[in-house]
Amino acid sequence: MNFIGYIPLLIKGTAITFASWVMAGCISFSLGTLLGIISCRQIGLLGISMVIKGYVFIAKGIPAYVQILIAYFILPSLIGINISGFIAATIALAFCSSGYIVEITRAGINTISRGQWDACFVLGYSMHATLYRIIMPQVMRNVLPPLFGELEQLLKSTSLLATIGVTELTRTGMNIISRELNPLPVYLAIACIYLLFSAILQLILIYIEIKVNHDYR
């Protein structure tokens, strides 16, 4: 097997995996954090909180694979717009992941005592200033490990794009194996690439935790 000749294909597949991961991660983090803040105990209104809980129930209750199939086969007919498998799967992964980030963010905010909120309001802080300057820095410090854990899980979930024919890393490997009938070096290479991404993510987490703990002191 001429493995070297397939390296460009693996690089291209890795780029697609990375792009889907980053896009889904940015969407899920932004949406999940926003909904987590809105639905926290100190801010959430009953009606809005119930709607967000319903959103989280659906996002977490349906397997990511099924959500990808729905986004790919059903969503285009509902909105009347054709979307690629890459976009459909990325949207589905972002939707699924955001449900977990909502829970992580909301739980982190709810651990902050009511006294801190009251003290900020007494000092004349607005709700926005209280969240931005006082509450969220503490929350981010506490929820960094589970947030990065969810991002790592999202990275692994990008392999599901292969099920709808998107030539990301896993699908690229499957295509190479179907030609060469030698799975060992290909699967080892794929595993090493995923491990490399995970290692980089862990190093980023360690760096951020050190910086945050240093600033907190």
N, C-alpha and C. Protein backbone atom coordinates (compact mmCIF):
# COMPACT_ATOMS: atom_id res chain seq x y z
N MET A 1 0.83 -1.20 0.00
CA MET A 1 0.00 0.00 0.00
C MET A 1 0.88 1.26 0.00
N ASN A 2 0.61 2.16 -0.93
CA ASN A 2 1.35 3.41 -1.00
C ASN A 2 0.65 4.44 -0.11
N PHE A 3 0.91 4.33 1.21
CA PHE A 3 0.22 5.18 2.17
C PHE A 3 0.56 6.66 1.97
N ILE A 4 1.79 6.94 1.60
CA ILE A 4 2.23 8.33 1.42
C ILE A 4 1.37 9.04 0.38
N GLY A 5 0.98 8.30 -0.64
CA GLY A 5 0.19 8.91 -1.70
C GLY A 5 -1.20 9.34 -1.26
N TYR A 6 -1.66 8.78 -0.15
CA TYR A 6 -3.00 9.12 0.34
C TYR A 6 -2.98 10.22 1.40
N ILE A 7 -1.80 10.69 1.76
CA ILE A 7 -1.72 11.74 2.79
C ILE A 7 -2.49 13.00 2.40
N PRO A 8 -2.40 13.47 1.13
CA PRO A 8 -3.20 14.66 0.77
C PRO A 8 -4.70 14.46 0.99
N LEU A 9 -5.20 13.24 0.71
CA LEU A 9 -6.63 12.98 0.94
C LEU A 9 -6.95 13.04 2.43
N LEU A 10 -6.07 12.49 3.25
CA LEU A 10 -6.30 12.53 4.69
C LEU A 10 -6.24 13.96 5.23
N ILE A 11 -5.34 14.76 4.67
CA ILE A 11 -5.26 16.16 5.07
C ILE A 11 -6.54 16.90 4.71
N LYS A 12 -7.05 16.63 3.51
CA LYS A 12 -8.30 17.27 3.09
C LYS A 12 -9.45 16.84 3.99
N GLY A 13 -9.51 15.53 4.29
CA GLY A 13 -10.55 15.04 5.19
C GLY A 13 -10.44 15.64 6.58
N THR A 14 -9.20 15.80 7.05
CA THR A 14 -8.97 16.42 8.36
C THR A 14 -9.44 17.87 8.36
N ALA A 15 -9.20 18.58 7.27
CA ALA A 15 -9.63 19.98 7.17
C ALA A 15 -11.15 20.09 7.24
N ILE A 16 -11.86 19.16 6.59
CA ILE A 16 -13.32 19.18 6.64
C ILE A 16 -13.81 18.87 8.04
N THR A 17 -13.18 17.89 8.70
CA THR A 17 -13.52 17.57 10.08
C THR A 17 -13.31 18.78 10.98
N PHE A 18 -12.16 19.43 10.82
CA PHE A 18 -11.84 20.59 11.65
C PHE A 18 -12.83 21.72 11.42
N ALA A 19 -13.18 21.96 10.15
CA ALA A 19 -14.11 23.04 9.83
C ALA A 19 -15.48 22.79 10.45
N SER A 20 -15.96 21.55 10.35
CA SER A 20 -17.25 21.22 10.94
C SER A 20 -17.21 21.37 12.45
N TRP A 21 -16.14 20.93 13.06
CA TRP A 21 -15.97 21.01 14.51
C TRP A 21 -15.97 22.46 14.98
N VAL A 22 -15.19 23.30 14.31
CA VAL A 22 -15.10 24.70 14.72
C VAL A 22 -16.44 25.41 14.53
N MET A 23 -17.08 25.19 13.39
CA MET A 23 -18.37 25.84 13.14
C MET A 23 -19.42 25.40 14.13
N ALA A 24 -19.53 24.09 14.34
CA ALA A 24 -20.52 23.56 15.28
C ALA A 24 -20.20 24.02 16.70
N GLY A 25 -18.91 24.06 17.04
CA GLY A 25 -18.50 24.49 18.38
C GLY A 25 -18.84 25.95 18.64
N CYS A 26 -18.58 26.82 17.65
CA CYS A 26 -18.89 28.24 17.82
C CYS A 26 -20.39 28.46 17.98
N ILE A 27 -21.18 27.77 17.15
CA ILE A 27 -22.63 27.92 17.24
C ILE A 27 -23.16 27.40 18.56
N SER A 28 -22.73 26.20 18.93
CA SER A 28 -23.26 25.58 20.16
C SER A 28 -22.82 26.34 21.40
N PHE A 29 -21.58 26.85 21.41
CA PHE A 29 -21.11 27.60 22.57
C PHE A 29 -21.87 28.92 22.70
N SER A 30 -22.02 29.63 21.59
CA SER A 30 -22.72 30.92 21.64
C SER A 30 -24.19 30.74 22.03
N LEU A 31 -24.87 29.82 21.35
CA LEU A 31 -26.29 29.59 21.62
C LEU A 31 -26.51 28.99 23.00
N GLY A 32 -25.68 28.00 23.35
CA GLY A 32 -25.84 27.34 24.65
C GLY A 32 -25.58 28.28 25.80
N THR A 33 -24.56 29.12 25.68
CA THR A 33 -24.25 30.08 26.75
C THR A 33 -25.37 31.10 26.90
N LEU A 34 -25.87 31.62 25.77
CA LEU A 34 -26.95 32.60 25.81
C LEU A 34 -28.21 32.01 26.47
N LEU A 35 -28.61 30.83 26.04
CA LEU A 35 -29.81 30.21 26.61
C LEU A 35 -29.59 29.81 28.06
N GLY A 36 -28.37 29.42 28.40
CA GLY A 36 -28.08 29.09 29.79
C GLY A 36 -28.21 30.30 30.70
N ILE A 37 -27.76 31.45 30.21
CA ILE A 37 -27.88 32.69 30.99
C ILE A 37 -29.35 33.08 31.14
N ILE A 38 -30.09 33.03 30.03
CA ILE A 38 -31.50 33.44 30.05
C ILE A 38 -32.32 32.57 31.00
N SER A 39 -31.98 31.27 31.06
CA SER A 39 -32.80 30.34 31.84
C SER A 39 -32.30 30.12 33.26
N CYS A 40 -31.26 30.85 33.70
CA CYS A 40 -30.76 30.64 35.05
C CYS A 40 -31.78 31.12 36.08
N ARG A 41 -31.60 30.70 37.31
CA ARG A 41 -32.56 30.96 38.38
C ARG A 41 -32.78 32.45 38.61
N GLN A 42 -31.73 33.24 38.52
CA GLN A 42 -31.81 34.65 38.86
C GLN A 42 -32.44 35.49 37.75
N ILE A 43 -32.46 34.99 36.53
CA ILE A 43 -32.95 35.78 35.40
C ILE A 43 -34.21 35.17 34.79
N GLY A 44 -34.22 33.87 34.67
CA GLY A 44 -35.25 33.19 33.87
C GLY A 44 -36.67 33.45 34.31
N LEU A 45 -37.52 33.78 33.34
CA LEU A 45 -38.95 33.85 33.56
C LEU A 45 -39.53 32.46 33.33
N LEU A 46 -40.62 32.15 33.99
CA LEU A 46 -41.16 30.80 33.95
C LEU A 46 -41.44 30.34 32.53
N GLY A 47 -42.11 31.19 31.73
CA GLY A 47 -42.46 30.79 30.37
C GLY A 47 -41.23 30.55 29.51
N ILE A 48 -40.27 31.48 29.56
CA ILE A 48 -39.05 31.35 28.76
C ILE A 48 -38.24 30.14 29.22
N SER A 49 -38.15 29.95 30.52
CA SER A 49 -37.39 28.81 31.05
C SER A 49 -37.98 27.49 30.60
N MET A 50 -39.31 27.40 30.56
CA MET A 50 -39.96 26.16 30.13
C MET A 50 -39.68 25.88 28.66
N VAL A 51 -39.69 26.93 27.84
CA VAL A 51 -39.38 26.76 26.41
C VAL A 51 -37.94 26.26 26.24
N ILE A 52 -37.01 26.86 26.99
CA ILE A 52 -35.61 26.46 26.89
C ILE A 52 -35.42 25.04 27.40
N LYS A 53 -36.13 24.67 28.45
CA LYS A 53 -36.05 23.29 28.96
C LYS A 53 -36.55 22.31 27.91
N GLY A 54 -37.61 22.71 27.17
CA GLY A 54 -38.08 21.86 26.09
C GLY A 54 -37.05 21.71 24.99
N TYR A 55 -36.38 22.82 24.67
CA TYR A 55 -35.30 22.79 23.68
C TYR A 55 -34.18 21.84 24.11
N VAL A 56 -33.78 21.95 25.38
CA VAL A 56 -32.71 21.10 25.90
C VAL A 56 -33.14 19.64 25.90
N PHE A 57 -34.38 19.38 26.26
CA PHE A 57 -34.90 18.01 26.29
C PHE A 57 -34.80 17.37 24.91
N ILE A 58 -35.17 18.12 23.87
CA ILE A 58 -35.11 17.59 22.51
C ILE A 58 -33.66 17.42 22.06
N ALA A 59 -32.84 18.46 22.32
CA ALA A 59 -31.44 18.43 21.87
C ALA A 59 -30.67 17.28 22.50
N LYS A 60 -30.93 17.02 23.77
CA LYS A 60 -30.21 15.96 24.47
C LYS A 60 -30.86 14.60 24.30
N GLY A 61 -32.16 14.58 24.06
CA GLY A 61 -32.89 13.31 24.02
C GLY A 61 -32.79 12.56 22.73
N ILE A 62 -32.55 13.27 21.61
CA ILE A 62 -32.44 12.61 20.31
C ILE A 62 -30.97 12.37 19.99
N PRO A 63 -30.58 11.15 19.66
CA PRO A 63 -29.17 10.88 19.34
C PRO A 63 -28.66 11.79 18.21
N ALA A 64 -27.40 12.14 18.29
CA ALA A 64 -26.80 13.03 17.28
C ALA A 64 -26.94 12.44 15.88
N TYR A 65 -26.82 11.13 15.76
CA TYR A 65 -26.94 10.48 14.45
C TYR A 65 -28.33 10.72 13.85
N VAL A 66 -29.35 10.56 14.68
CA VAL A 66 -30.72 10.77 14.21
C VAL A 66 -30.94 12.24 13.86
N GLN A 67 -30.37 13.14 14.64
CA GLN A 67 -30.50 14.57 14.33
C GLN A 67 -29.85 14.91 13.00
N ILE A 68 -28.73 14.28 12.70
CA ILE A 68 -28.07 14.49 11.41
C ILE A 68 -28.95 14.02 10.26
N LEU A 69 -29.57 12.86 10.44
CA LEU A 69 -30.46 12.34 9.40
C LEU A 69 -31.66 13.27 9.19
N ILE A 70 -32.22 13.78 10.28
CA ILE A 70 -33.35 14.71 10.18
C ILE A 70 -32.92 15.98 9.46
N ALA A 71 -31.76 16.52 9.85
CA ALA A 71 -31.27 17.75 9.24
C ALA A 71 -30.97 17.57 7.75
N TYR A 72 -30.51 16.39 7.38
CA TYR A 72 -30.10 16.15 5.99
C TYR A 72 -31.27 15.80 5.08
N PHE A 73 -32.20 14.95 5.59
CA PHE A 73 -33.27 14.46 4.74
C PHE A 73 -34.59 15.22 4.90
N ILE A 74 -34.85 15.80 6.07
CA ILE A 74 -36.15 16.41 6.33
C ILE A 74 -36.08 17.93 6.34
N LEU A 75 -35.04 18.50 6.97
CA LEU A 75 -34.95 19.95 7.09
C LEU A 75 -35.04 20.69 5.76
N PRO A 76 -34.35 20.26 4.68
CA PRO A 76 -34.44 20.99 3.41
C PRO A 76 -35.86 21.10 2.87
N SER A 77 -36.64 20.02 3.03
CA SER A 77 -38.03 20.07 2.54
C SER A 77 -38.90 20.98 3.39
N LEU A 78 -38.56 21.12 4.67
CA LEU A 78 -39.34 21.99 5.56
C LEU A 78 -39.08 23.46 5.29
N ILE A 79 -37.82 23.80 5.00
CA ILE A 79 -37.48 25.22 4.79
C ILE A 79 -37.45 25.59 3.32
N GLY A 80 -37.56 24.59 2.45
CA GLY A 80 -37.58 24.85 1.02
C GLY A 80 -36.25 25.26 0.43
N ILE A 81 -35.17 24.93 1.10
CA ILE A 81 -33.84 25.28 0.62
C ILE A 81 -32.96 24.03 0.65
N ASN A 82 -32.27 23.77 -0.44
CA ASN A 82 -31.33 22.65 -0.47
C ASN A 82 -30.06 23.02 0.27
N ILE A 83 -29.65 22.18 1.19
CA ILE A 83 -28.41 22.42 1.93
C ILE A 83 -27.51 21.19 1.79
N SER A 84 -26.23 21.42 1.83
CA SER A 84 -25.27 20.33 1.66
C SER A 84 -25.26 19.44 2.90
N GLY A 85 -24.72 18.25 2.72
CA GLY A 85 -24.59 17.35 3.85
C GLY A 85 -23.71 17.92 4.94
N PHE A 86 -22.66 18.64 4.54
CA PHE A 86 -21.76 19.25 5.51
C PHE A 86 -22.50 20.26 6.38
N ILE A 87 -23.28 21.14 5.75
CA ILE A 87 -24.01 22.16 6.50
C ILE A 87 -25.08 21.52 7.38
N ALA A 88 -25.81 20.56 6.82
CA ALA A 88 -26.88 19.91 7.58
C ALA A 88 -26.32 19.21 8.81
N ALA A 89 -25.23 18.47 8.64
CA ALA A 89 -24.65 17.75 9.77
C ALA A 89 -24.06 18.70 10.79
N THR A 90 -23.44 19.77 10.33
CA THR A 90 -22.85 20.74 11.26
C THR A 90 -23.94 21.41 12.09
N ILE A 91 -25.05 21.77 11.46
CA ILE A 91 -26.18 22.36 12.19
C ILE A 91 -26.71 21.38 13.22
N ALA A 92 -26.84 20.12 12.82
CA ALA A 92 -27.36 19.10 13.74
C ALA A 92 -26.43 18.90 14.94
N LEU A 93 -25.14 18.86 14.69
CA LEU A 93 -24.19 18.69 15.79
C LEU A 93 -24.20 19.90 16.72
N ALA A 94 -24.32 21.10 16.14
CA ALA A 94 -24.40 22.31 16.96
C ALA A 94 -25.65 22.30 17.82
N PHE A 95 -26.77 21.89 17.24
CA PHE A 95 -28.04 21.82 17.98
C PHE A 95 -27.92 20.83 19.14
N CYS A 96 -27.37 19.67 18.86
CA CYS A 96 -27.22 18.64 19.89
C CYS A 96 -26.29 19.11 21.01
N SER A 97 -25.14 19.66 20.64
CA SER A 97 -24.15 20.08 21.63
C SER A 97 -24.64 21.25 22.47
N SER A 98 -25.40 22.16 21.85
CA SER A 98 -25.86 23.34 22.58
C SER A 98 -26.75 22.97 23.75
N GLY A 99 -27.48 21.87 23.63
CA GLY A 99 -28.32 21.44 24.74
C GLY A 99 -27.51 21.14 25.99
N TYR A 100 -26.36 20.53 25.82
CA TYR A 100 -25.49 20.23 26.96
C TYR A 100 -24.84 21.50 27.50
N ILE A 101 -24.47 22.41 26.61
CA ILE A 101 -23.83 23.65 27.06
C ILE A 101 -24.83 24.52 27.83
N VAL A 102 -26.09 24.49 27.43
CA VAL A 102 -27.11 25.21 28.20
C VAL A 102 -27.11 24.72 29.65
N GLU A 103 -27.10 23.42 29.83
CA GLU A 103 -27.14 22.84 31.17
C GLU A 103 -25.88 23.18 31.96
N ILE A 104 -24.73 23.11 31.30
CA ILE A 104 -23.46 23.43 31.97
C ILE A 104 -23.45 24.89 32.42
N THR A 105 -23.85 25.79 31.51
CA THR A 105 -23.84 27.22 31.83
C THR A 105 -24.84 27.54 32.92
N ARG A 106 -26.04 27.01 32.80
CA ARG A 106 -27.08 27.31 33.79
C ARG A 106 -26.68 26.80 35.17
N ALA A 107 -26.13 25.59 35.22
CA ALA A 107 -25.70 25.04 36.51
C ALA A 107 -24.58 25.88 37.11
N GLY A 108 -23.66 26.36 36.24
CA GLY A 108 -22.57 27.19 36.74
C GLY A 108 -23.06 28.50 37.32
N ILE A 109 -24.02 29.13 36.65
CA ILE A 109 -24.56 30.40 37.15
C ILE A 109 -25.33 30.18 38.44
N ASN A 110 -26.08 29.09 38.51
CA ASN A 110 -26.91 28.84 39.70
C ASN A 110 -26.08 28.54 40.95
N THR A 111 -24.78 28.22 40.76
CA THR A 111 -23.94 27.99 41.94
C THR A 111 -23.49 29.30 42.59
N ILE A 112 -23.62 30.41 41.86
CA ILE A 112 -23.26 31.71 42.43
C ILE A 112 -24.35 32.15 43.40
N SER A 113 -23.96 32.53 44.58
CA SER A 113 -24.93 32.86 45.62
C SER A 113 -25.76 34.10 45.25
N ARG A 114 -27.00 34.11 45.72
CA ARG A 114 -27.89 35.25 45.47
C ARG A 114 -27.33 36.53 46.07
N GLY A 115 -26.54 36.39 47.14
CA GLY A 115 -25.98 37.56 47.79
C GLY A 115 -25.09 38.38 46.88
N GLN A 116 -24.35 37.71 45.99
CA GLN A 116 -23.50 38.45 45.06
C GLN A 116 -24.32 39.28 44.08
N TRP A 117 -25.42 38.73 43.60
CA TRP A 117 -26.31 39.48 42.72
C TRP A 117 -26.86 40.70 43.45
N ASP A 118 -27.36 40.48 44.67
CA ASP A 118 -27.96 41.58 45.43
C ASP A 118 -26.94 42.67 45.71
N ALA A 119 -25.70 42.26 46.03
CA ALA A 119 -24.65 43.25 46.30
C ALA A 119 -24.36 44.09 45.07
N CYS A 120 -24.34 43.47 43.91
CA CYS A 120 -24.09 44.21 42.67
C CYS A 120 -25.21 45.21 42.39
N PHE A 121 -26.44 44.78 42.61
CA PHE A 121 -27.57 45.68 42.35
C PHE A 121 -27.57 46.85 43.34
N VAL A 122 -27.20 46.58 44.58
CA VAL A 122 -27.12 47.65 45.58
C VAL A 122 -26.06 48.67 45.18
N LEU A 123 -24.96 48.19 44.60
CA LEU A 123 -23.88 49.09 44.18
C LEU A 123 -24.19 49.81 42.87
N GLY A 124 -25.34 49.54 42.29
CA GLY A 124 -25.75 50.26 41.09
C GLY A 124 -25.40 49.58 39.78
N TYR A 125 -24.93 48.33 39.84
CA TYR A 125 -24.62 47.60 38.60
C TYR A 125 -25.92 47.24 37.88
N SER A 126 -25.90 47.35 36.58
CA SER A 126 -27.03 46.86 35.79
C SER A 126 -26.94 45.33 35.68
N MET A 127 -28.00 44.73 35.15
CA MET A 127 -27.99 43.28 34.97
C MET A 127 -26.85 42.87 34.04
N HIS A 128 -26.66 43.61 32.95
CA HIS A 128 -25.60 43.30 32.00
C HIS A 128 -24.22 43.41 32.65
N ALA A 129 -24.01 44.49 33.39
CA ALA A 129 -22.71 44.69 34.04
C ALA A 129 -22.46 43.63 35.10
N THR A 130 -23.50 43.25 35.82
CA THR A 130 -23.37 42.21 36.84
C THR A 130 -22.93 40.90 36.21
N LEU A 131 -23.58 40.55 35.13
CA LEU A 131 -23.23 39.30 34.44
C LEU A 131 -21.82 39.36 33.87
N TYR A 132 -21.51 40.45 33.16
CA TYR A 132 -20.25 40.55 32.42
C TYR A 132 -19.04 40.68 33.35
N ARG A 133 -19.18 41.47 34.41
CA ARG A 133 -18.02 41.79 35.25
C ARG A 133 -17.88 40.90 36.49
N ILE A 134 -18.99 40.42 37.00
CA ILE A 134 -18.93 39.71 38.28
C ILE A 134 -19.26 38.22 38.15
N ILE A 135 -20.40 37.93 37.54
CA ILE A 135 -20.91 36.56 37.56
C ILE A 135 -20.19 35.65 36.57
N MET A 136 -20.17 36.05 35.28
CA MET A 136 -19.65 35.16 34.25
C MET A 136 -18.16 34.83 34.40
N PRO A 137 -17.29 35.76 34.85
CA PRO A 137 -15.90 35.36 35.08
C PRO A 137 -15.78 34.21 36.09
N GLN A 138 -16.60 34.23 37.14
CA GLN A 138 -16.58 33.13 38.11
C GLN A 138 -17.13 31.85 37.49
N VAL A 139 -18.20 32.00 36.72
CA VAL A 139 -18.83 30.83 36.10
C VAL A 139 -17.87 30.16 35.13
N MET A 140 -17.23 30.95 34.26
CA MET A 140 -16.32 30.37 33.28
C MET A 140 -15.16 29.63 33.96
N ARG A 141 -14.71 30.18 35.05
CA ARG A 141 -13.63 29.52 35.79
C ARG A 141 -14.07 28.15 36.30
N ASN A 142 -15.33 28.04 36.70
CA ASN A 142 -15.83 26.79 37.27
C ASN A 142 -16.23 25.75 36.23
N VAL A 143 -16.68 26.24 35.07
CA VAL A 143 -17.24 25.30 34.08
C VAL A 143 -16.29 24.99 32.93
N LEU A 144 -15.07 25.49 32.99
CA LEU A 144 -14.13 25.22 31.89
C LEU A 144 -13.94 23.73 31.60
N PRO A 145 -13.69 22.89 32.62
CA PRO A 145 -13.50 21.46 32.33
C PRO A 145 -14.69 20.80 31.63
N PRO A 146 -15.95 20.97 32.13
CA PRO A 146 -17.05 20.34 31.40
C PRO A 146 -17.29 20.95 30.03
N LEU A 147 -17.03 22.24 29.85
CA LEU A 147 -17.18 22.85 28.53
C LEU A 147 -16.20 22.26 27.54
N PHE A 148 -14.95 22.13 27.95
CA PHE A 148 -13.96 21.54 27.06
C PHE A 148 -14.23 20.05 26.84
N GLY A 149 -14.80 19.40 27.86
CA GLY A 149 -15.20 18.01 27.67
C GLY A 149 -16.27 17.88 26.61
N GLU A 150 -17.21 18.81 26.59
CA GLU A 150 -18.25 18.79 25.56
C GLU A 150 -17.67 19.10 24.19
N LEU A 151 -16.71 20.01 24.10
CA LEU A 151 -16.06 20.29 22.83
C LEU A 151 -15.30 19.07 22.32
N GLU A 152 -14.69 18.33 23.23
CA GLU A 152 -13.98 17.11 22.83
C GLU A 152 -14.96 16.05 22.34
N GLN A 153 -16.11 15.95 23.00
CA GLN A 153 -17.13 15.01 22.55
C GLN A 153 -17.67 15.42 21.19
N LEU A 154 -17.79 16.72 20.97
CA LEU A 154 -18.25 17.23 19.68
C LEU A 154 -17.26 16.87 18.57
N LEU A 155 -15.98 16.94 18.88
CA LEU A 155 -14.95 16.54 17.91
C LEU A 155 -15.16 15.08 17.48
N LYS A 156 -15.39 14.22 18.43
CA LYS A 156 -15.61 12.80 18.10
C LYS A 156 -16.88 12.61 17.28
N SER A 157 -17.88 13.42 17.57
CA SER A 157 -19.16 13.27 16.87
C SER A 157 -19.07 13.67 15.40
N THR A 158 -18.04 14.43 15.02
CA THR A 158 -17.91 14.81 13.61
C THR A 158 -17.71 13.59 12.71
N SER A 159 -17.30 12.47 13.30
CA SER A 159 -17.15 11.25 12.49
C SER A 159 -18.49 10.78 11.94
N LEU A 160 -19.60 11.24 12.54
CA LEU A 160 -20.93 10.86 12.06
C LEU A 160 -21.25 11.49 10.71
N LEU A 161 -20.49 12.50 10.30
CA LEU A 161 -20.71 13.08 8.99
C LEU A 161 -20.52 12.04 7.89
N ALA A 162 -19.70 11.03 8.18
CA ALA A 162 -19.44 9.98 7.19
C ALA A 162 -20.71 9.23 6.82
N THR A 163 -21.69 9.19 7.73
CA THR A 163 -22.90 8.40 7.49
C THR A 163 -23.78 8.98 6.39
N ILE A 164 -23.60 10.27 6.08
CA ILE A 164 -24.38 10.87 4.99
C ILE A 164 -23.49 11.24 3.82
N GLY A 165 -22.31 10.64 3.77
CA GLY A 165 -21.45 10.76 2.60
C GLY A 165 -20.51 11.94 2.58
N VAL A 166 -20.43 12.71 3.67
CA VAL A 166 -19.49 13.83 3.72
C VAL A 166 -18.08 13.26 3.87
N THR A 167 -17.17 13.69 3.01
CA THR A 167 -15.83 13.11 3.00
C THR A 167 -14.93 13.79 4.04
N GLU A 168 -15.34 13.70 5.30
CA GLU A 168 -14.47 14.15 6.38
C GLU A 168 -13.43 13.07 6.63
N LEU A 169 -12.75 13.15 7.75
CA LEU A 169 -11.61 12.27 7.99
C LEU A 169 -11.98 10.79 7.98
N THR A 170 -13.03 10.43 8.70
CA THR A 170 -13.41 9.02 8.78
C THR A 170 -13.85 8.48 7.43
N ARG A 171 -14.68 9.24 6.73
CA ARG A 171 -15.15 8.80 5.42
C ARG A 171 -13.99 8.68 4.43
N THR A 172 -13.05 9.61 4.50
CA THR A 172 -11.88 9.54 3.65
C THR A 172 -11.11 8.24 3.90
N GLY A 173 -10.95 7.91 5.19
CA GLY A 173 -10.28 6.66 5.53
C GLY A 173 -11.02 5.45 4.99
N MET A 174 -12.35 5.47 5.08
CA MET A 174 -13.14 4.35 4.56
C MET A 174 -12.97 4.21 3.06
N ASN A 175 -12.91 5.34 2.36
CA ASN A 175 -12.71 5.29 0.91
C ASN A 175 -11.34 4.72 0.55
N ILE A 176 -10.33 5.11 1.31
CA ILE A 176 -8.97 4.59 1.05
C ILE A 176 -8.93 3.08 1.30
N ILE A 177 -9.56 2.65 2.38
CA ILE A 177 -9.56 1.22 2.72
C ILE A 177 -10.29 0.41 1.65
N SER A 178 -11.37 0.95 1.11
CA SER A 178 -12.12 0.23 0.07
C SER A 178 -11.28 0.03 -1.19
N ARG A 179 -10.29 0.90 -1.39
CA ARG A 179 -9.41 0.76 -2.55
C ARG A 179 -8.25 -0.18 -2.27
N GLU A 180 -7.67 -0.03 -1.09
CA GLU A 180 -6.42 -0.72 -0.79
C GLU A 180 -6.62 -2.01 0.02
N LEU A 181 -7.77 -2.15 0.68
CA LEU A 181 -8.07 -3.34 1.49
C LEU A 181 -7.01 -3.58 2.56
N ASN A 182 -6.52 -2.49 3.12
CA ASN A 182 -5.52 -2.59 4.19
C ASN A 182 -5.88 -1.57 5.27
N PRO A 183 -6.77 -1.93 6.20
CA PRO A 183 -7.32 -0.94 7.13
C PRO A 183 -6.37 -0.48 8.23
N LEU A 184 -5.40 -1.32 8.62
CA LEU A 184 -4.59 -1.03 9.80
C LEU A 184 -3.90 0.33 9.75
N PRO A 185 -3.08 0.62 8.74
CA PRO A 185 -2.38 1.92 8.75
C PRO A 185 -3.33 3.10 8.64
N VAL A 186 -4.44 2.91 7.93
CA VAL A 186 -5.39 4.02 7.76
C VAL A 186 -6.08 4.34 9.08
N TYR A 187 -6.59 3.32 9.74
CA TYR A 187 -7.29 3.56 11.01
C TYR A 187 -6.33 4.07 12.08
N LEU A 188 -5.09 3.61 12.05
CA LEU A 188 -4.09 4.12 12.99
C LEU A 188 -3.83 5.61 12.75
N ALA A 189 -3.75 5.98 11.49
CA ALA A 189 -3.52 7.39 11.14
C ALA A 189 -4.70 8.24 11.60
N ILE A 190 -5.92 7.76 11.36
CA ILE A 190 -7.12 8.49 11.78
C ILE A 190 -7.15 8.65 13.29
N ALA A 191 -6.85 7.56 14.00
CA ALA A 191 -6.85 7.61 15.46
C ALA A 191 -5.82 8.61 15.97
N CYS A 192 -4.65 8.62 15.35
CA CYS A 192 -3.60 9.56 15.78
C CYS A 192 -4.01 11.01 15.53
N ILE A 193 -4.72 11.26 14.43
CA ILE A 193 -5.15 12.63 14.14
C ILE A 193 -6.17 13.09 15.17
N TYR A 194 -7.13 12.22 15.51
CA TYR A 194 -8.11 12.59 16.55
C TYR A 194 -7.41 12.80 17.90
N LEU A 195 -6.45 11.95 18.21
CA LEU A 195 -5.70 12.12 19.46
C LEU A 195 -4.92 13.42 19.47
N LEU A 196 -4.40 13.81 18.31
CA LEU A 196 -3.67 15.08 18.22
C LEU A 196 -4.59 16.25 18.51
N PHE A 197 -5.78 16.23 17.91
CA PHE A 197 -6.76 17.28 18.19
C PHE A 197 -7.10 17.33 19.67
N SER A 198 -7.32 16.16 20.26
CA SER A 198 -7.67 16.10 21.69
C SER A 198 -6.54 16.62 22.55
N ALA A 199 -5.30 16.28 22.19
CA ALA A 199 -4.14 16.74 22.96
C ALA A 199 -4.03 18.26 22.89
N ILE A 200 -4.23 18.82 21.71
CA ILE A 200 -4.18 20.29 21.55
C ILE A 200 -5.26 20.94 22.40
N LEU A 201 -6.46 20.35 22.39
CA LEU A 201 -7.56 20.89 23.19
C LEU A 201 -7.23 20.85 24.67
N GLN A 202 -6.62 19.77 25.11
CA GLN A 202 -6.25 19.66 26.53
C GLN A 202 -5.17 20.68 26.90
N LEU A 203 -4.23 20.91 26.01
CA LEU A 203 -3.19 21.92 26.27
C LEU A 203 -3.79 23.32 26.36
N ILE A 204 -4.76 23.59 25.49
CA ILE A 204 -5.45 24.89 25.55
C ILE A 204 -6.19 25.04 26.87
N LEU A 205 -6.85 23.97 27.31
CA LEU A 205 -7.56 24.00 28.58
C LEU A 205 -6.60 24.27 29.74
N ILE A 206 -5.47 23.58 29.74
CA ILE A 206 -4.48 23.77 30.81
C ILE A 206 -3.98 25.21 30.82
N TYR A 207 -3.70 25.75 29.62
CA TYR A 207 -3.22 27.13 29.53
C TYR A 207 -4.26 28.11 30.06
N ILE A 208 -5.51 27.93 29.65
CA ILE A 208 -6.57 28.85 30.09
C ILE A 208 -6.78 28.74 31.59
N GLU A 209 -6.75 27.53 32.13
CA GLU A 209 -6.94 27.36 33.57
C GLU A 209 -5.83 28.03 34.35
N ILE A 210 -4.59 27.89 33.88
CA ILE A 210 -3.46 28.56 34.57
C ILE A 210 -3.63 30.06 34.52
N LYS A 211 -3.99 30.57 33.34
CA LYS A 211 -4.17 32.03 33.19
C LYS A 211 -5.32 32.54 34.06
N VAL A 212 -6.43 31.83 34.04
CA VAL A 212 -7.60 32.26 34.82
C VAL A 212 -7.30 32.21 36.31
N ASN A 213 -6.65 31.14 36.76
CA ASN A 213 -6.32 31.02 38.19
C ASN A 213 -5.34 32.10 38.60
N HIS A 214 -4.40 32.45 37.71
CA HIS A 214 -3.43 33.50 38.02
C HIS A 214 -4.12 34.85 38.13
N ASP A 215 -5.04 35.13 37.17
CA ASP A 215 -5.76 36.41 37.20
C ASP A 215 -6.70 36.47 38.39
N TYR A 216 -7.25 35.31 38.78
CA TYR A 216 -8.22 35.28 39.89
C TYR A 216 -7.53 35.63 41.22
N ARG A 217 -6.25 35.27 41.33
CA ARG A 217 -5.52 35.59 42.54
C ARG A 217 -5.25 37.10 42.62
